[in-house]
Amino acid sequence: MEKFGFGFGSGFSELPTGCIVGKARLVEVKHYKDKEEHALDRERHLADDAWGNYGFVLSGAERTKVIECKGKLGFWEIDAGKEGRNKKRI
């Protein structure tokens, strides 16, 4: 997170909420046979145990201008554009 300009100071409470701050391409969803295998590959996917034995491999991660957006758990779609005609998968 530091390479994208987010310092951890006192931990995750320092991170912005209620907005989108970046984008990336999901290139692989990897299923691991157990927690040990998942932990060994942690640097590749950065997913924690909350997702079970799945890791989400991303590419092209970049910071964007802040977009105010109330999120949801998991993946969701937002309306982008002035009239909301362009749906973007988040």
N, C-alpha and C. Protein backbone atom coordinates (compact mmCIF):
# COMPACT_ATOMS: atom_id res chain seq x y z
N MET A 1 0.81 -1.19 0.00
CA MET A 1 0.00 0.00 0.00
C MET A 1 0.86 1.26 0.00
N GLU A 2 2.03 1.15 0.59
CA GLU A 2 2.90 2.34 0.64
C GLU A 2 3.33 2.78 -0.74
N LYS A 3 3.51 1.84 -1.67
CA LYS A 3 3.95 2.24 -3.02
C LYS A 3 2.87 3.02 -3.76
N PHE A 4 1.61 2.97 -3.27
CA PHE A 4 0.53 3.75 -3.88
C PHE A 4 0.22 5.02 -3.09
N GLY A 5 1.09 5.34 -2.13
CA GLY A 5 0.93 6.59 -1.39
C GLY A 5 0.11 6.49 -0.13
N PHE A 6 -0.16 5.28 0.35
CA PHE A 6 -0.90 5.11 1.59
C PHE A 6 0.05 4.64 2.67
N GLY A 7 0.31 5.49 3.64
CA GLY A 7 1.13 5.10 4.78
C GLY A 7 0.27 4.37 5.79
N PHE A 8 0.87 3.52 6.61
CA PHE A 8 0.09 2.77 7.56
C PHE A 8 0.03 3.42 8.93
N GLY A 9 0.87 4.38 9.23
CA GLY A 9 0.78 5.09 10.50
C GLY A 9 0.35 4.18 11.64
N SER A 10 -0.88 4.30 12.07
CA SER A 10 -1.38 3.47 13.17
C SER A 10 -2.14 2.24 12.66
N GLY A 11 -1.96 1.90 11.40
CA GLY A 11 -2.60 0.70 10.86
C GLY A 11 -3.64 1.01 9.80
N PHE A 12 -4.54 0.07 9.59
CA PHE A 12 -5.54 0.20 8.54
C PHE A 12 -6.52 1.35 8.78
N SER A 13 -6.61 1.85 10.01
CA SER A 13 -7.54 2.95 10.28
C SER A 13 -7.13 4.22 9.53
N GLU A 14 -5.91 4.28 9.03
CA GLU A 14 -5.42 5.44 8.27
C GLU A 14 -5.86 5.41 6.81
N LEU A 15 -6.33 4.26 6.32
CA LEU A 15 -6.71 4.14 4.92
C LEU A 15 -8.04 4.83 4.64
N PRO A 16 -8.20 5.40 3.43
CA PRO A 16 -9.46 6.06 3.10
C PRO A 16 -10.60 5.04 2.99
N THR A 17 -11.81 5.47 3.33
CA THR A 17 -12.98 4.60 3.21
C THR A 17 -14.08 5.35 2.47
N GLY A 18 -15.05 4.60 1.95
CA GLY A 18 -16.17 5.20 1.26
C GLY A 18 -15.81 5.75 -0.11
N CYS A 19 -14.74 5.22 -0.70
CA CYS A 19 -14.32 5.71 -2.01
C CYS A 19 -13.47 4.66 -2.72
N ILE A 20 -13.35 4.82 -4.02
CA ILE A 20 -12.47 3.99 -4.84
C ILE A 20 -11.19 4.79 -5.03
N VAL A 21 -10.05 4.17 -4.81
CA VAL A 21 -8.77 4.89 -4.90
C VAL A 21 -7.83 4.30 -5.95
N GLY A 22 -8.26 3.23 -6.63
CA GLY A 22 -7.39 2.61 -7.62
C GLY A 22 -8.12 1.56 -8.43
N LYS A 23 -7.37 0.99 -9.35
CA LYS A 23 -7.94 -0.07 -10.19
C LYS A 23 -6.85 -1.07 -10.53
N ALA A 24 -7.28 -2.28 -10.89
CA ALA A 24 -6.37 -3.35 -11.28
C ALA A 24 -7.15 -4.34 -12.11
N ARG A 25 -6.45 -5.18 -12.83
CA ARG A 25 -7.07 -6.23 -13.63
C ARG A 25 -6.94 -7.55 -12.86
N LEU A 26 -8.07 -8.23 -12.69
CA LEU A 26 -8.08 -9.55 -12.07
C LEU A 26 -7.68 -10.56 -13.14
N VAL A 27 -6.52 -11.19 -12.99
CA VAL A 27 -6.03 -12.09 -14.04
C VAL A 27 -6.16 -13.57 -13.67
N GLU A 28 -6.35 -13.84 -12.37
CA GLU A 28 -6.49 -15.24 -11.98
C GLU A 28 -7.13 -15.33 -10.60
N VAL A 29 -8.02 -16.29 -10.45
CA VAL A 29 -8.53 -16.65 -9.14
C VAL A 29 -7.97 -18.04 -8.86
N LYS A 30 -7.11 -18.12 -7.86
CA LYS A 30 -6.44 -19.38 -7.58
C LYS A 30 -7.06 -20.03 -6.34
N HIS A 31 -7.41 -21.31 -6.46
CA HIS A 31 -7.94 -22.07 -5.33
C HIS A 31 -6.82 -22.93 -4.77
N TYR A 32 -6.59 -22.82 -3.47
CA TYR A 32 -5.54 -23.57 -2.79
C TYR A 32 -6.14 -24.74 -2.05
N LYS A 33 -5.40 -25.84 -1.96
CA LYS A 33 -5.94 -27.04 -1.33
C LYS A 33 -6.02 -26.92 0.20
N ASP A 34 -5.19 -26.05 0.80
CA ASP A 34 -5.25 -25.87 2.25
C ASP A 34 -4.66 -24.52 2.65
N LYS A 35 -4.77 -24.19 3.93
CA LYS A 35 -4.29 -22.90 4.43
C LYS A 35 -2.78 -22.75 4.31
N GLU A 36 -2.06 -23.84 4.45
CA GLU A 36 -0.60 -23.77 4.35
C GLU A 36 -0.16 -23.37 2.94
N GLU A 37 -0.76 -23.99 1.93
CA GLU A 37 -0.45 -23.65 0.54
C GLU A 37 -0.83 -22.20 0.26
N HIS A 38 -1.96 -21.77 0.78
CA HIS A 38 -2.43 -20.39 0.63
C HIS A 38 -1.40 -19.42 1.23
N ALA A 39 -0.93 -19.72 2.43
CA ALA A 39 0.03 -18.85 3.13
C ALA A 39 1.36 -18.79 2.39
N LEU A 40 1.81 -19.90 1.82
CA LEU A 40 3.09 -19.92 1.10
C LEU A 40 3.07 -19.03 -0.13
N ASP A 41 1.92 -18.85 -0.72
CA ASP A 41 1.79 -18.08 -1.96
C ASP A 41 1.27 -16.65 -1.69
N ARG A 42 1.27 -16.23 -0.43
CA ARG A 42 0.68 -14.96 -0.01
C ARG A 42 1.21 -13.76 -0.77
N GLU A 43 2.48 -13.70 -1.07
CA GLU A 43 3.05 -12.55 -1.79
C GLU A 43 2.47 -12.42 -3.19
N ARG A 44 1.95 -13.49 -3.73
CA ARG A 44 1.40 -13.47 -5.09
C ARG A 44 -0.01 -12.89 -5.13
N HIS A 45 -0.81 -13.16 -4.09
CA HIS A 45 -2.21 -12.76 -4.15
C HIS A 45 -2.63 -11.78 -3.06
N LEU A 46 -1.92 -11.70 -1.97
CA LEU A 46 -2.20 -10.78 -0.86
C LEU A 46 -3.58 -10.91 -0.24
N ALA A 47 -4.27 -12.03 -0.44
CA ALA A 47 -5.59 -12.25 0.15
C ALA A 47 -5.43 -12.85 1.55
N ASP A 48 -6.32 -12.48 2.45
CA ASP A 48 -6.26 -13.07 3.79
C ASP A 48 -7.26 -14.23 3.91
N ASP A 49 -7.33 -14.80 5.09
CA ASP A 49 -8.18 -15.97 5.31
C ASP A 49 -9.67 -15.70 5.15
N ALA A 50 -10.08 -14.44 5.16
CA ALA A 50 -11.51 -14.12 5.03
C ALA A 50 -12.08 -14.63 3.71
N TRP A 51 -11.22 -14.80 2.69
CA TRP A 51 -11.67 -15.28 1.38
C TRP A 51 -11.58 -16.81 1.29
N GLY A 52 -11.28 -17.49 2.39
CA GLY A 52 -11.13 -18.94 2.35
C GLY A 52 -9.80 -19.28 1.71
N ASN A 53 -9.75 -20.36 0.96
CA ASN A 53 -8.51 -20.78 0.31
C ASN A 53 -8.41 -20.26 -1.12
N TYR A 54 -8.83 -19.03 -1.33
CA TYR A 54 -8.76 -18.41 -2.65
C TYR A 54 -7.79 -17.23 -2.61
N GLY A 55 -7.08 -17.05 -3.71
CA GLY A 55 -6.22 -15.89 -3.88
C GLY A 55 -6.58 -15.20 -5.18
N PHE A 56 -6.62 -13.88 -5.16
CA PHE A 56 -6.96 -13.09 -6.35
C PHE A 56 -5.68 -12.46 -6.87
N VAL A 57 -5.22 -12.90 -8.05
CA VAL A 57 -3.98 -12.41 -8.63
C VAL A 57 -4.31 -11.22 -9.53
N LEU A 58 -3.68 -10.09 -9.25
CA LEU A 58 -3.96 -8.84 -9.97
C LEU A 58 -2.77 -8.43 -10.81
N SER A 59 -3.04 -7.65 -11.86
CA SER A 59 -1.96 -7.03 -12.64
C SER A 59 -2.36 -5.59 -12.94
N GLY A 60 -1.40 -4.78 -13.26
CA GLY A 60 -1.64 -3.41 -13.66
C GLY A 60 -2.28 -2.55 -12.60
N ALA A 61 -2.01 -2.83 -11.33
CA ALA A 61 -2.60 -2.02 -10.26
C ALA A 61 -2.07 -0.60 -10.34
N GLU A 62 -2.99 0.36 -10.25
CA GLU A 62 -2.60 1.77 -10.27
C GLU A 62 -3.57 2.59 -9.46
N ARG A 63 -3.06 3.67 -8.91
CA ARG A 63 -3.89 4.59 -8.15
C ARG A 63 -4.63 5.50 -9.12
N THR A 64 -5.87 5.83 -8.78
CA THR A 64 -6.67 6.73 -9.61
C THR A 64 -7.11 7.91 -8.75
N LYS A 65 -7.77 8.88 -9.37
CA LYS A 65 -8.36 9.95 -8.58
C LYS A 65 -9.42 9.33 -7.69
N VAL A 66 -9.69 9.94 -6.57
CA VAL A 66 -10.67 9.41 -5.62
C VAL A 66 -12.07 9.53 -6.21
N ILE A 67 -12.82 8.43 -6.16
CA ILE A 67 -14.21 8.40 -6.62
C ILE A 67 -15.05 8.03 -5.40
N GLU A 68 -15.88 8.97 -4.94
CA GLU A 68 -16.76 8.68 -3.80
C GLU A 68 -17.70 7.55 -4.18
N CYS A 69 -17.78 6.54 -3.33
CA CYS A 69 -18.59 5.37 -3.66
C CYS A 69 -18.80 4.54 -2.40
N LYS A 70 -20.03 4.29 -2.06
CA LYS A 70 -20.29 3.38 -0.95
C LYS A 70 -20.15 1.97 -1.48
N GLY A 71 -19.27 1.22 -0.90
CA GLY A 71 -18.97 -0.11 -1.39
C GLY A 71 -19.84 -1.19 -0.77
N LYS A 72 -19.50 -2.40 -1.13
CA LYS A 72 -20.16 -3.59 -0.63
C LYS A 72 -19.07 -4.62 -0.41
N LEU A 73 -19.38 -5.66 0.31
CA LEU A 73 -18.42 -6.74 0.46
C LEU A 73 -18.35 -7.52 -0.84
N GLY A 74 -17.15 -7.90 -1.25
CA GLY A 74 -16.97 -8.65 -2.49
C GLY A 74 -16.89 -7.75 -3.71
N PHE A 75 -17.32 -8.27 -4.86
CA PHE A 75 -17.28 -7.53 -6.11
C PHE A 75 -18.65 -6.93 -6.37
N TRP A 76 -18.71 -5.77 -6.98
CA TRP A 76 -19.97 -5.12 -7.29
C TRP A 76 -19.81 -4.22 -8.50
N GLU A 77 -20.91 -3.72 -9.01
CA GLU A 77 -20.89 -2.81 -10.15
C GLU A 77 -21.27 -1.42 -9.69
N ILE A 78 -20.66 -0.40 -10.33
CA ILE A 78 -21.04 0.98 -10.07
C ILE A 78 -21.48 1.62 -11.38
N ASP A 79 -22.29 2.65 -11.29
CA ASP A 79 -22.63 3.44 -12.46
C ASP A 79 -21.56 4.51 -12.62
N ALA A 80 -20.94 4.54 -13.78
CA ALA A 80 -19.91 5.54 -14.07
C ALA A 80 -20.41 6.43 -15.19
N GLY A 81 -20.02 7.65 -15.18
CA GLY A 81 -20.46 8.57 -16.21
C GLY A 81 -21.59 9.45 -15.71
N LYS A 82 -21.85 10.51 -16.42
CA LYS A 82 -22.82 11.51 -15.98
C LYS A 82 -24.23 10.94 -15.83
N GLU A 83 -24.67 10.13 -16.74
CA GLU A 83 -26.01 9.57 -16.67
C GLU A 83 -26.03 8.15 -16.16
N GLY A 84 -24.88 7.63 -15.75
CA GLY A 84 -24.83 6.28 -15.24
C GLY A 84 -25.01 5.23 -16.32
N ARG A 85 -24.74 5.59 -17.57
CA ARG A 85 -24.94 4.64 -18.67
C ARG A 85 -23.83 3.60 -18.72
N ASN A 86 -22.66 3.92 -18.26
CA ASN A 86 -21.52 3.01 -18.36
C ASN A 86 -21.34 2.27 -17.05
N LYS A 87 -21.64 1.00 -17.04
CA LYS A 87 -21.44 0.21 -15.83
C LYS A 87 -20.00 -0.28 -15.80
N LYS A 88 -19.39 -0.15 -14.65
CA LYS A 88 -18.04 -0.61 -14.44
C LYS A 88 -18.07 -1.70 -13.38
N ARG A 89 -17.39 -2.80 -13.63
CA ARG A 89 -17.34 -3.88 -12.66
C ARG A 89 -16.21 -3.58 -11.67
N ILE A 90 -16.52 -3.60 -10.40
CA ILE A 90 -15.56 -3.32 -9.34
C ILE A 90 -15.30 -4.60 -8.58
